[in-house]
Amino acid sequence: MKIKMKRVACVGEAMIELSMMDGDAQINVAGDTLNTAIYLHRTAPQLTVDYITCLGSDTFSDSISAFIADQGVGNSKIKRIADGTPGLYAITTSQEGERSFTYWRSNSAARHLFSDGDFTILETYDAVYLSGISLAILPHAVRISLLEWLNKHSICLIFDSNYRPHLWESLESTQQITSAFWARADILLPSIDDEMKLFGETEEQVAFRFSCTAKFGALKRGVLGPLSLGIDVHGSYPPSLKVLDTTAAGDSFNGGYLGTILGGESQELALKIGHDLAAQVIQCRGAIIPKKGTVRLN
């Protein structure tokens, strides 16, 4: 199966990132779906990739919008909220490269996304990419309205559950919404650890659940490499020999995979490029690595 598309909308929250290192803080811009949008564009610059979110009217919001444009991702659909501000988070990383986060995002302008119930901005795209974080920051009524809108339209939905418990009001709500979006999604990009945590399953149970679906995509399994969904592919995915910071490992896999598969290439190549890109990213600090370090398909 091969897929070819031209226009992709990535939907979510772009934030100010403080990366803590040796007592100092490096200021960056990041966010899970924004990270994926950037790596998607870098992998397949022939595609139009736009970012859809809400920002405030402050200088930090201006900097985020300018950063998005500088990365080659479209910012013309970003809505500005008067007196709004972006979210902020800080990353600390252990000696093993594992990350922990502290967030200040409860009043983020992105929480006003689709607050008017109007989703027509999505109609001009071939595909829409959402994550569990995209949904978690929205009021429950907006999540339901978005799902209903998607169920009435044939647009390709790409979904990664990307589970952050503190963003949700309850485990039951998270499970219900996530299951509903998995059922609607056309391309699935789950992470095995998120699914284990969210649904209380073992690695084997998660792999079995997604392997039984007829949907297309990849189950991210860290050092084990991705498991192909929807088509039988058995590749070799050597782990990175150096792990400095696992920030955006899954996001970059998604970007590399999607840039390849939406550009009309094979599932086998998409899995390899996604894995190789993630292996590069975890050797650097922060979510976004220098442009020269990524794969381009053109």
C-alpha atoms as a PDB file:
ATOM      1  CA  MET A   1       0.000   0.000   0.000  1.00  0.00           C
ATOM      2  CA  LYS A   2       1.309   3.449  -0.956  1.00  0.00           C
ATOM      3  CA  ILE A   3      -0.132   6.833  -0.019  1.00  0.00           C
ATOM      4  CA  LYS A   4       0.554  10.172  -1.678  1.00  0.00           C
ATOM      5  CA  MET A   5      -0.661  13.494  -0.358  1.00  0.00           C
ATOM      6  CA  LYS A   6       0.133  17.173  -0.790  1.00  0.00           C
ATOM      7  CA  ARG A   7      -1.240  19.140   2.169  1.00  0.00           C
ATOM      8  CA  VAL A   8      -0.967  18.184   5.851  1.00  0.00           C
ATOM      9  CA  ALA A   9      -2.264  20.057   8.906  1.00  0.00           C
ATOM     10  CA  CYS A  10      -0.573  19.362  12.242  1.00  0.00           C
ATOM     11  CA  VAL A  11      -2.765  20.450  15.151  1.00  0.00           C
ATOM     12  CA  GLY A  12      -1.756  21.096  18.741  1.00  0.00           C
ATOM     13  CA  GLU A  13       0.167  23.343  21.088  1.00  0.00           C
ATOM     14  CA  ALA A  14       3.481  25.128  20.521  1.00  0.00           C
ATOM     15  CA  MET A  15       5.263  26.099  23.728  1.00  0.00           C
ATOM     16  CA  ILE A  16       8.333  27.761  25.091  1.00  0.00           C
ATOM     17  CA  GLU A  17      10.795  25.045  26.149  1.00  0.00           C
ATOM     18  CA  LEU A  18      13.395  25.480  28.898  1.00  0.00           C
ATOM     19  CA  SER A  19      16.035  22.783  28.589  1.00  0.00           C
ATOM     20  CA  MET A  20      17.913  22.538  31.881  1.00  0.00           C
ATOM     21  CA  MET A  21      21.578  21.563  31.621  1.00  0.00           C
ATOM     22  CA  ASP A  22      24.299  21.969  34.250  1.00  0.00           C
ATOM     23  CA  GLY A  23      22.257  24.557  36.092  1.00  0.00           C
ATOM     24  CA  ASP A  24      21.609  26.666  32.995  1.00  0.00           C
ATOM     25  CA  ALA A  25      18.410  26.966  30.948  1.00  0.00           C
ATOM     26  CA  GLN A  26      18.392  26.989  27.154  1.00  0.00           C
ATOM     27  CA  ILE A  27      15.250  28.529  25.659  1.00  0.00           C
ATOM     28  CA  ASN A  28      13.679  26.791  22.652  1.00  0.00           C
ATOM     29  CA  VAL A  29      10.301  26.305  20.991  1.00  0.00           C
ATOM     30  CA  ALA A  30       8.692  22.867  20.941  1.00  0.00           C
ATOM     31  CA  GLY A  31       5.530  20.829  21.329  1.00  0.00           C
ATOM     32  CA  ASP A  32       4.794  17.245  20.289  1.00  0.00           C
ATOM     33  CA  THR A  33       2.831  17.887  17.093  1.00  0.00           C
ATOM     34  CA  LEU A  34       5.022  20.864  16.211  1.00  0.00           C
ATOM     35  CA  ASN A  35       8.111  18.666  16.503  1.00  0.00           C
ATOM     36  CA  THR A  36       6.499  16.175  14.152  1.00  0.00           C
ATOM     37  CA  ALA A  37       5.493  18.949  11.730  1.00  0.00           C
ATOM     38  CA  ILE A  38       9.096  20.176  11.544  1.00  0.00           C
ATOM     39  CA  TYR A  39      10.582  16.728  10.950  1.00  0.00           C
ATOM     40  CA  LEU A  40       7.812  15.937   8.469  1.00  0.00           C
ATOM     41  CA  HIS A  41       8.688  19.038   6.461  1.00  0.00           C
ATOM     42  CA  ARG A  42      12.406  18.295   6.620  1.00  0.00           C
ATOM     43  CA  THR A  43      11.858  14.746   5.405  1.00  0.00           C
ATOM     44  CA  ALA A  44       9.488  15.714   2.589  1.00  0.00           C
ATOM     45  CA  PRO A  45       9.876  19.429   1.751  1.00  0.00           C
ATOM     46  CA  GLN A  46       7.707  18.952  -1.331  1.00  0.00           C
ATOM     47  CA  LEU A  47       4.678  18.615   0.967  1.00  0.00           C
ATOM     48  CA  THR A  48       2.796  21.606   2.358  1.00  0.00           C
ATOM     49  CA  VAL A  49       2.852  21.276   6.150  1.00  0.00           C
ATOM     50  CA  ASP A  50       0.889  23.851   8.173  1.00  0.00           C
ATOM     51  CA  TYR A  51       0.669  24.186  11.926  1.00  0.00           C
ATOM     52  CA  ILE A  52      -2.711  24.941  13.466  1.00  0.00           C
ATOM     53  CA  THR A  53      -2.864  26.314  16.985  1.00  0.00           C
ATOM     54  CA  CYS A  54      -3.678  29.427  18.998  1.00  0.00           C
ATOM     55  CA  LEU A  55      -1.078  31.852  20.304  1.00  0.00           C
ATOM     56  CA  GLY A  56      -1.292  35.031  22.319  1.00  0.00           C
ATOM     57  CA  SER A  57      -0.490  38.621  21.447  1.00  0.00           C
ATOM     58  CA  ASP A  58       2.781  38.756  23.410  1.00  0.00           C
ATOM     59  CA  THR A  59       6.393  38.755  22.230  1.00  0.00           C
ATOM     60  CA  PHE A  60       6.875  35.078  23.131  1.00  0.00           C
ATOM     61  CA  SER A  61       3.979  34.204  20.806  1.00  0.00           C
ATOM     62  CA  ASP A  62       5.592  36.323  18.086  1.00  0.00           C
ATOM     63  CA  SER A  63       8.825  34.384  18.571  1.00  0.00           C
ATOM     64  CA  ILE A  64       7.033  31.045  18.338  1.00  0.00           C
ATOM     65  CA  SER A  65       5.255  32.046  15.124  1.00  0.00           C
ATOM     66  CA  ALA A  66       8.526  33.271  13.608  1.00  0.00           C
ATOM     67  CA  PHE A  67      10.281  30.053  14.642  1.00  0.00           C
ATOM     68  CA  ILE A  68       7.597  27.925  12.974  1.00  0.00           C
ATOM     69  CA  ALA A  69       7.949  29.883   9.723  1.00  0.00           C
ATOM     70  CA  ASP A  70      11.750  29.665   9.881  1.00  0.00           C
ATOM     71  CA  GLN A  71      11.451  25.889  10.079  1.00  0.00           C
ATOM     72  CA  GLY A  72       9.512  25.845   6.801  1.00  0.00           C
ATOM     73  CA  VAL A  73       6.179  25.021   8.431  1.00  0.00           C
ATOM     74  CA  GLY A  74       3.194  27.200   7.527  1.00  0.00           C
ATOM     75  CA  ASN A  75       1.997  29.597  10.243  1.00  0.00           C
ATOM     76  CA  SER A  76      -0.745  31.460   8.381  1.00  0.00           C
ATOM     77  CA  LYS A  77      -3.538  29.435  10.039  1.00  0.00           C
ATOM     78  CA  ILE A  78      -2.415  30.223  13.588  1.00  0.00           C
ATOM     79  CA  LYS A  79      -5.105  32.132  15.488  1.00  0.00           C
ATOM     80  CA  ARG A  80      -4.055  34.925  17.847  1.00  0.00           C
ATOM     81  CA  ILE A  81      -5.879  35.357  21.165  1.00  0.00           C
ATOM     82  CA  ALA A  82      -5.928  38.840  22.684  1.00  0.00           C
ATOM     83  CA  ASP A  83      -4.171  38.885  26.071  1.00  0.00           C
ATOM     84  CA  GLY A  84      -3.274  35.208  25.605  1.00  0.00           C
ATOM     85  CA  THR A  85       0.114  33.654  26.265  1.00  0.00           C
ATOM     86  CA  PRO A  86       1.789  30.402  25.193  1.00  0.00           C
ATOM     87  CA  GLY A  87       2.446  27.462  27.485  1.00  0.00           C
ATOM     88  CA  LEU A  88       5.853  26.902  29.063  1.00  0.00           C
ATOM     89  CA  TYR A  89       7.643  23.733  30.116  1.00  0.00           C
ATOM     90  CA  ALA A  90      11.032  22.757  31.475  1.00  0.00           C
ATOM     91  CA  ILE A  91      12.951  19.558  30.726  1.00  0.00           C
ATOM     92  CA  THR A  92      15.436  17.906  33.046  1.00  0.00           C
ATOM     93  CA  THR A  93      17.330  14.864  31.822  1.00  0.00           C
ATOM     94  CA  SER A  94      18.877  12.008  33.806  1.00  0.00           C
ATOM     95  CA  GLN A  95      22.340  10.597  33.129  1.00  0.00           C
ATOM     96  CA  GLU A  96      20.640   7.809  31.161  1.00  0.00           C
ATOM     97  CA  GLY A  97      18.948  10.331  28.878  1.00  0.00           C
ATOM     98  CA  GLU A  98      15.471   9.907  30.352  1.00  0.00           C
ATOM     99  CA  ARG A  99      13.504  13.126  30.640  1.00  0.00           C
ATOM    100  CA  SER A 100      11.141  14.633  33.168  1.00  0.00           C
ATOM    101  CA  PHE A 101       8.913  17.651  32.604  1.00  0.00           C
ATOM    102  CA  THR A 102       7.522  20.564  34.591  1.00  0.00           C
ATOM    103  CA  TYR A 103       4.661  22.446  32.907  1.00  0.00           C
ATOM    104  CA  TRP A 104       3.044  25.876  33.124  1.00  0.00           C
ATOM    105  CA  ARG A 105       0.304  25.582  30.517  1.00  0.00           C
ATOM    106  CA  SER A 106      -3.098  25.737  32.258  1.00  0.00           C
ATOM    107  CA  ASN A 107      -3.797  29.188  30.760  1.00  0.00           C
ATOM    108  CA  SER A 108      -2.211  28.556  27.371  1.00  0.00           C
ATOM    109  CA  ALA A 109      -3.841  30.268  24.399  1.00  0.00           C
ATOM    110  CA  ALA A 110      -3.879  26.888  22.639  1.00  0.00           C
ATOM    111  CA  ARG A 111      -6.696  25.796  24.941  1.00  0.00           C
ATOM    112  CA  HIS A 112      -8.964  28.111  22.913  1.00  0.00           C
ATOM    113  CA  LEU A 113      -8.373  26.043  19.765  1.00  0.00           C
ATOM    114  CA  PHE A 114     -11.692  25.328  17.983  1.00  0.00           C
ATOM    115  CA  SER A 115     -13.545  27.004  20.871  1.00  0.00           C
ATOM    116  CA  ASP A 116     -16.099  28.330  18.358  1.00  0.00           C
ATOM    117  CA  GLY A 117     -16.866  24.793  17.160  1.00  0.00           C
ATOM    118  CA  ASP A 118     -15.749  25.663  13.627  1.00  0.00           C
ATOM    119  CA  PHE A 119     -13.488  23.047  12.043  1.00  0.00           C
ATOM    120  CA  THR A 120     -13.757  24.213   8.430  1.00  0.00           C
ATOM    121  CA  ILE A 121     -10.107  25.336   8.525  1.00  0.00           C
ATOM    122  CA  LEU A 122      -9.250  21.633   8.169  1.00  0.00           C
ATOM    123  CA  GLU A 123     -11.224  21.116   4.946  1.00  0.00           C
ATOM    124  CA  THR A 124      -8.454  22.202   2.580  1.00  0.00           C
ATOM    125  CA  TYR A 125      -6.031  19.499   3.774  1.00  0.00           C
ATOM    126  CA  ASP A 126      -5.496  15.940   2.600  1.00  0.00           C
ATOM    127  CA  ALA A 127      -4.532  14.810   6.105  1.00  0.00           C
ATOM    128  CA  VAL A 128      -4.783  16.034   9.691  1.00  0.00           C
ATOM    129  CA  TYR A 129      -2.318  14.965  12.379  1.00  0.00           C
ATOM    130  CA  LEU A 130      -3.455  14.974  16.017  1.00  0.00           C
ATOM    131  CA  SER A 131      -2.045  13.601  19.231  1.00  0.00           C
ATOM    132  CA  GLY A 132      -3.461  12.743  22.627  1.00  0.00           C
ATOM    133  CA  ILE A 133      -1.916  15.980  23.863  1.00  0.00           C
ATOM    134  CA  SER A 134      -3.787  17.921  21.159  1.00  0.00           C
ATOM    135  CA  LEU A 135      -7.014  16.477  22.546  1.00  0.00           C
ATOM    136  CA  ALA A 136      -6.110  16.695  26.239  1.00  0.00           C
ATOM    137  CA  ILE A 137      -5.775  20.487  26.222  1.00  0.00           C
ATOM    138  CA  LEU A 138      -9.257  20.913  24.699  1.00  0.00           C
ATOM    139  CA  PRO A 139     -12.524  21.025  26.657  1.00  0.00           C
ATOM    140  CA  HIS A 140     -14.352  17.702  26.485  1.00  0.00           C
ATOM    141  CA  ALA A 141     -17.210  19.169  24.435  1.00  0.00           C
ATOM    142  CA  VAL A 142     -14.735  20.387  21.799  1.00  0.00           C
ATOM    143  CA  ARG A 143     -13.131  16.932  21.599  1.00  0.00           C
ATOM    144  CA  ILE A 144     -16.537  15.375  20.945  1.00  0.00           C
ATOM    145  CA  SER A 145     -17.419  18.001  18.335  1.00  0.00           C
ATOM    146  CA  LEU A 146     -14.100  17.457  16.569  1.00  0.00           C
ATOM    147  CA  LEU A 147     -14.670  13.701  16.504  1.00  0.00           C
ATOM    148  CA  GLU A 148     -18.179  14.178  15.112  1.00  0.00           C
ATOM    149  CA  TRP A 149     -16.821  16.510  12.421  1.00  0.00           C
ATOM    150  CA  LEU A 150     -14.116  14.026  11.447  1.00  0.00           C
ATOM    151  CA  ASN A 151     -16.661  11.202  11.274  1.00  0.00           C
ATOM    152  CA  LYS A 152     -18.633  13.219   8.720  1.00  0.00           C
ATOM    153  CA  HIS A 153     -15.612  13.935   6.508  1.00  0.00           C
ATOM    154  CA  SER A 154     -13.300  11.687   4.529  1.00  0.00           C
ATOM    155  CA  ILE A 155     -10.110  13.551   5.430  1.00  0.00           C
ATOM    156  CA  CYS A 156      -7.214  11.258   6.388  1.00  0.00           C
ATOM    157  CA  LEU A 157      -6.714  11.299  10.167  1.00  0.00           C
ATOM    158  CA  ILE A 158      -3.264  10.524  11.570  1.00  0.00           C
ATOM    159  CA  PHE A 159      -3.204   9.913  15.321  1.00  0.00           C
ATOM    160  CA  ASP A 160      -0.679   9.300  18.107  1.00  0.00           C
ATOM    161  CA  SER A 161      -2.185   8.863  21.576  1.00  0.00           C
ATOM    162  CA  ASN A 162       0.871  10.466  23.296  1.00  0.00           C
ATOM    163  CA  TYR A 163      -0.498  10.058  26.814  1.00  0.00           C
ATOM    164  CA  ARG A 164       0.190  12.695  29.493  1.00  0.00           C
ATOM    165  CA  PRO A 165      -1.983  11.782  32.531  1.00  0.00           C
ATOM    166  CA  HIS A 166      -1.830  15.187  34.235  1.00  0.00           C
ATOM    167  CA  LEU A 167      -3.507  16.866  31.245  1.00  0.00           C
ATOM    168  CA  TRP A 168      -6.672  14.753  31.468  1.00  0.00           C
ATOM    169  CA  GLU A 169      -9.569  14.994  33.879  1.00  0.00           C
ATOM    170  CA  SER A 170      -9.851  11.215  34.399  1.00  0.00           C
ATOM    171  CA  LEU A 171      -8.454   7.910  33.188  1.00  0.00           C
ATOM    172  CA  GLU A 172     -11.909   6.804  32.026  1.00  0.00           C
ATOM    173  CA  SER A 173     -12.343   9.900  29.855  1.00  0.00           C
ATOM    174  CA  THR A 174      -8.893   9.446  28.365  1.00  0.00           C
ATOM    175  CA  GLN A 175      -9.555   5.817  27.500  1.00  0.00           C
ATOM    176  CA  GLN A 176     -12.916   6.615  25.889  1.00  0.00           C
ATOM    177  CA  ILE A 177     -11.636   9.520  23.799  1.00  0.00           C
ATOM    178  CA  THR A 178      -8.441   7.741  22.779  1.00  0.00           C
ATOM    179  CA  SER A 179     -10.323   4.599  21.743  1.00  0.00           C
ATOM    180  CA  ALA A 180     -12.758   6.684  19.688  1.00  0.00           C
ATOM    181  CA  PHE A 181      -9.934   8.447  17.864  1.00  0.00           C
ATOM    182  CA  TRP A 182      -8.109   5.158  17.244  1.00  0.00           C
ATOM    183  CA  ALA A 183     -11.327   3.878  15.675  1.00  0.00           C
ATOM    184  CA  ARG A 184     -11.560   6.936  13.390  1.00  0.00           C
ATOM    185  CA  ALA A 185      -7.866   7.222  12.520  1.00  0.00           C
ATOM    186  CA  ASP A 186      -6.553   6.100   9.139  1.00  0.00           C
ATOM    187  CA  ILE A 187      -2.847   6.094  10.019  1.00  0.00           C
ATOM    188  CA  LEU A 188      -1.936   4.908  13.534  1.00  0.00           C
ATOM    189  CA  LEU A 189       1.270   5.928  15.311  1.00  0.00           C
ATOM    190  CA  PRO A 190       0.989   4.600  18.881  1.00  0.00           C
ATOM    191  CA  SER A 191       3.847   4.237  21.360  1.00  0.00           C
ATOM    192  CA  ILE A 192       3.881   0.971  23.260  1.00  0.00           C
ATOM    193  CA  ASP A 193       4.717   2.537  26.637  1.00  0.00           C
ATOM    194  CA  ASP A 194       1.870   5.082  26.371  1.00  0.00           C
ATOM    195  CA  GLU A 195      -0.639   2.382  25.466  1.00  0.00           C
ATOM    196  CA  MET A 196       0.535   0.104  28.284  1.00  0.00           C
ATOM    197  CA  LYS A 197       0.140   2.926  30.796  1.00  0.00           C
ATOM    198  CA  LEU A 198      -3.204   4.103  29.465  1.00  0.00           C
ATOM    199  CA  PHE A 199      -4.946   0.744  29.052  1.00  0.00           C
ATOM    200  CA  GLY A 200      -3.101  -1.347  31.658  1.00  0.00           C
ATOM    201  CA  GLU A 201      -1.852  -3.846  29.092  1.00  0.00           C
ATOM    202  CA  THR A 202       1.398  -5.739  28.635  1.00  0.00           C
ATOM    203  CA  GLU A 203       3.707  -5.158  25.674  1.00  0.00           C
ATOM    204  CA  GLU A 204       2.348  -8.323  24.070  1.00  0.00           C
ATOM    205  CA  GLN A 205      -1.264  -7.240  24.542  1.00  0.00           C
ATOM    206  CA  VAL A 206      -0.645  -3.814  23.015  1.00  0.00           C
ATOM    207  CA  ALA A 207       1.196  -5.337  20.038  1.00  0.00           C
ATOM    208  CA  PHE A 208      -1.593  -7.881  19.533  1.00  0.00           C
ATOM    209  CA  ARG A 209      -4.336  -5.232  19.723  1.00  0.00           C
ATOM    210  CA  PHE A 210      -2.762  -3.053  17.064  1.00  0.00           C
ATOM    211  CA  SER A 211      -1.624  -5.971  14.907  1.00  0.00           C
ATOM    212  CA  CYS A 212      -5.238  -7.109  14.652  1.00  0.00           C
ATOM    213  CA  THR A 213      -6.342  -3.826  13.130  1.00  0.00           C
ATOM    214  CA  ALA A 214      -6.610  -3.372   9.389  1.00  0.00           C
ATOM    215  CA  LYS A 215      -5.371   0.187   9.834  1.00  0.00           C
ATOM    216  CA  PHE A 216      -2.020   1.391   8.485  1.00  0.00           C
ATOM    217  CA  GLY A 217       0.857   2.733  10.568  1.00  0.00           C
ATOM    218  CA  ALA A 218       3.593   1.826  13.042  1.00  0.00           C
ATOM    219  CA  LEU A 219       3.770   0.846  16.710  1.00  0.00           C
ATOM    220  CA  LYS A 220       6.787   2.577  18.262  1.00  0.00           C
ATOM    221  CA  ARG A 221       8.694   0.251  20.606  1.00  0.00           C
ATOM    222  CA  GLY A 222      11.879   2.142  21.492  1.00  0.00           C
ATOM    223  CA  VAL A 223      15.051   0.118  21.178  1.00  0.00           C
ATOM    224  CA  LEU A 224      13.083  -2.813  19.715  1.00  0.00           C
ATOM    225  CA  GLY A 225      12.289  -0.732  16.658  1.00  0.00           C
ATOM    226  CA  PRO A 226       8.871  -0.118  15.088  1.00  0.00           C
ATOM    227  CA  LEU A 227       6.277  -2.800  14.456  1.00  0.00           C
ATOM    228  CA  SER A 228       4.617  -2.413  11.064  1.00  0.00           C
ATOM    229  CA  LEU A 229       0.827  -2.139  11.127  1.00  0.00           C
ATOM    230  CA  GLY A 230      -1.462  -3.004   8.241  1.00  0.00           C
ATOM    231  CA  ILE A 231       1.261  -4.598   6.120  1.00  0.00           C
ATOM    232  CA  ASP A 232       3.816  -7.300   6.889  1.00  0.00           C
ATOM    233  CA  VAL A 233       7.290  -5.733   7.020  1.00  0.00           C
ATOM    234  CA  HIS A 234      10.267  -7.117   8.923  1.00  0.00           C
ATOM    235  CA  GLY A 235      13.188  -4.712   8.969  1.00  0.00           C
ATOM    236  CA  SER A 236      16.370  -4.341  10.981  1.00  0.00           C
ATOM    237  CA  TYR A 237      16.335  -1.398  13.386  1.00  0.00           C
ATOM    238  CA  PRO A 238      19.606  -1.157  15.327  1.00  0.00           C
ATOM    239  CA  PRO A 239      19.404   0.939  18.507  1.00  0.00           C
ATOM    240  CA  SER A 240      21.351   4.153  18.862  1.00  0.00           C
ATOM    241  CA  LEU A 241      24.756   3.626  20.463  1.00  0.00           C
ATOM    242  CA  LYS A 242      24.507   6.985  22.232  1.00  0.00           C
ATOM    243  CA  VAL A 243      21.483   8.310  24.121  1.00  0.00           C
ATOM    244  CA  LEU A 244      21.829  11.877  25.364  1.00  0.00           C
ATOM    245  CA  ASP A 245      18.204  13.080  25.461  1.00  0.00           C
ATOM    246  CA  THR A 246      15.075  11.124  24.485  1.00  0.00           C
ATOM    247  CA  THR A 247      13.025  14.295  23.996  1.00  0.00           C
ATOM    248  CA  ALA A 248      11.025  14.110  20.715  1.00  0.00           C
ATOM    249  CA  ALA A 249      12.126  10.552  19.947  1.00  0.00           C
ATOM    250  CA  GLY A 250       8.571   9.537  19.089  1.00  0.00           C
ATOM    251  CA  ASP A 251       7.736  12.882  17.475  1.00  0.00           C
ATOM    252  CA  SER A 252      10.731  12.657  15.140  1.00  0.00           C
ATOM    253  CA  PHE A 253       9.914   9.053  14.241  1.00  0.00           C
ATOM    254  CA  ASN A 254       6.421  10.231  13.320  1.00  0.00           C
ATOM    255  CA  GLY A 255       7.816  13.044  11.176  1.00  0.00           C
ATOM    256  CA  GLY A 256      10.289  10.834   9.336  1.00  0.00           C
ATOM    257  CA  TYR A 257       7.738   8.070   8.855  1.00  0.00           C
ATOM    258  CA  LEU A 258       4.977  10.399   7.671  1.00  0.00           C
ATOM    259  CA  GLY A 259       7.228  12.410   5.375  1.00  0.00           C
ATOM    260  CA  THR A 260       8.200   9.174   3.672  1.00  0.00           C
ATOM    261  CA  ILE A 261       4.825   7.442   3.533  1.00  0.00           C
ATOM    262  CA  LEU A 262       2.812  10.546   2.558  1.00  0.00           C
ATOM    263  CA  GLY A 263       5.382  11.245  -0.143  1.00  0.00           C
ATOM    264  CA  GLY A 264       4.379   7.980  -1.826  1.00  0.00           C
ATOM    265  CA  GLU A 265       7.256   5.784  -0.656  1.00  0.00           C
ATOM    266  CA  SER A 266       7.023   2.261   0.756  1.00  0.00           C
ATOM    267  CA  GLN A 267       6.181   1.203   4.301  1.00  0.00           C
ATOM    268  CA  GLU A 268       9.563  -0.493   4.575  1.00  0.00           C
ATOM    269  CA  LEU A 269      11.427   2.723   3.766  1.00  0.00           C
ATOM    270  CA  ALA A 270       9.145   4.821   5.990  1.00  0.00           C
ATOM    271  CA  LEU A 271       9.830   2.623   9.019  1.00  0.00           C
ATOM    272  CA  LYS A 272      13.566   2.771   8.424  1.00  0.00           C
ATOM    273  CA  ILE A 273      13.717   6.540   7.938  1.00  0.00           C
ATOM    274  CA  GLY A 274      11.519   7.143  10.980  1.00  0.00           C
ATOM    275  CA  HIS A 275      13.705   4.915  13.150  1.00  0.00           C
ATOM    276  CA  ASP A 276      16.975   6.345  11.848  1.00  0.00           C
ATOM    277  CA  LEU A 277      15.775   9.910  12.396  1.00  0.00           C
ATOM    278  CA  ALA A 278      14.717   9.175  15.970  1.00  0.00           C
ATOM    279  CA  ALA A 279      18.115   7.578  16.571  1.00  0.00           C
ATOM    280  CA  GLN A 280      19.755  10.851  15.469  1.00  0.00           C
ATOM    281  CA  VAL A 281      17.498  13.018  17.597  1.00  0.00           C
ATOM    282  CA  ILE A 282      18.168  11.196  20.875  1.00  0.00           C
ATOM    283  CA  GLN A 283      21.889  11.861  20.442  1.00  0.00           C
ATOM    284  CA  CYS A 284      21.256  15.612  20.800  1.00  0.00           C
ATOM    285  CA  ARG A 285      19.782  17.787  23.521  1.00  0.00           C
ATOM    286  CA  GLY A 286      16.344  19.287  22.976  1.00  0.00           C
ATOM    287  CA  ALA A 287      13.506  18.439  20.628  1.00  0.00           C
ATOM    288  CA  ILE A 288      14.785  19.948  17.367  1.00  0.00           C
ATOM    289  CA  ILE A 289      18.214  19.031  16.014  1.00  0.00           C
ATOM    290  CA  PRO A 290      20.119  21.095  13.409  1.00  0.00           C
ATOM    291  CA  LYS A 291      18.632  20.893   9.913  1.00  0.00           C
ATOM    292  CA  LYS A 292      21.693  19.219   8.420  1.00  0.00           C
ATOM    293  CA  GLY A 293      21.117  16.211  10.672  1.00  0.00           C
ATOM    294  CA  THR A 294      17.837  15.097   9.093  1.00  0.00           C
ATOM    295  CA  VAL A 295      16.879  13.039   6.079  1.00  0.00           C
ATOM    296  CA  ARG A 296      15.325  14.667   3.033  1.00  0.00           C
ATOM    297  CA  LEU A 297      13.219  12.941   0.394  1.00  0.00           C
ATOM    298  CA  ASN A 298      12.859  14.898  -2.842  1.00  0.00           C
END
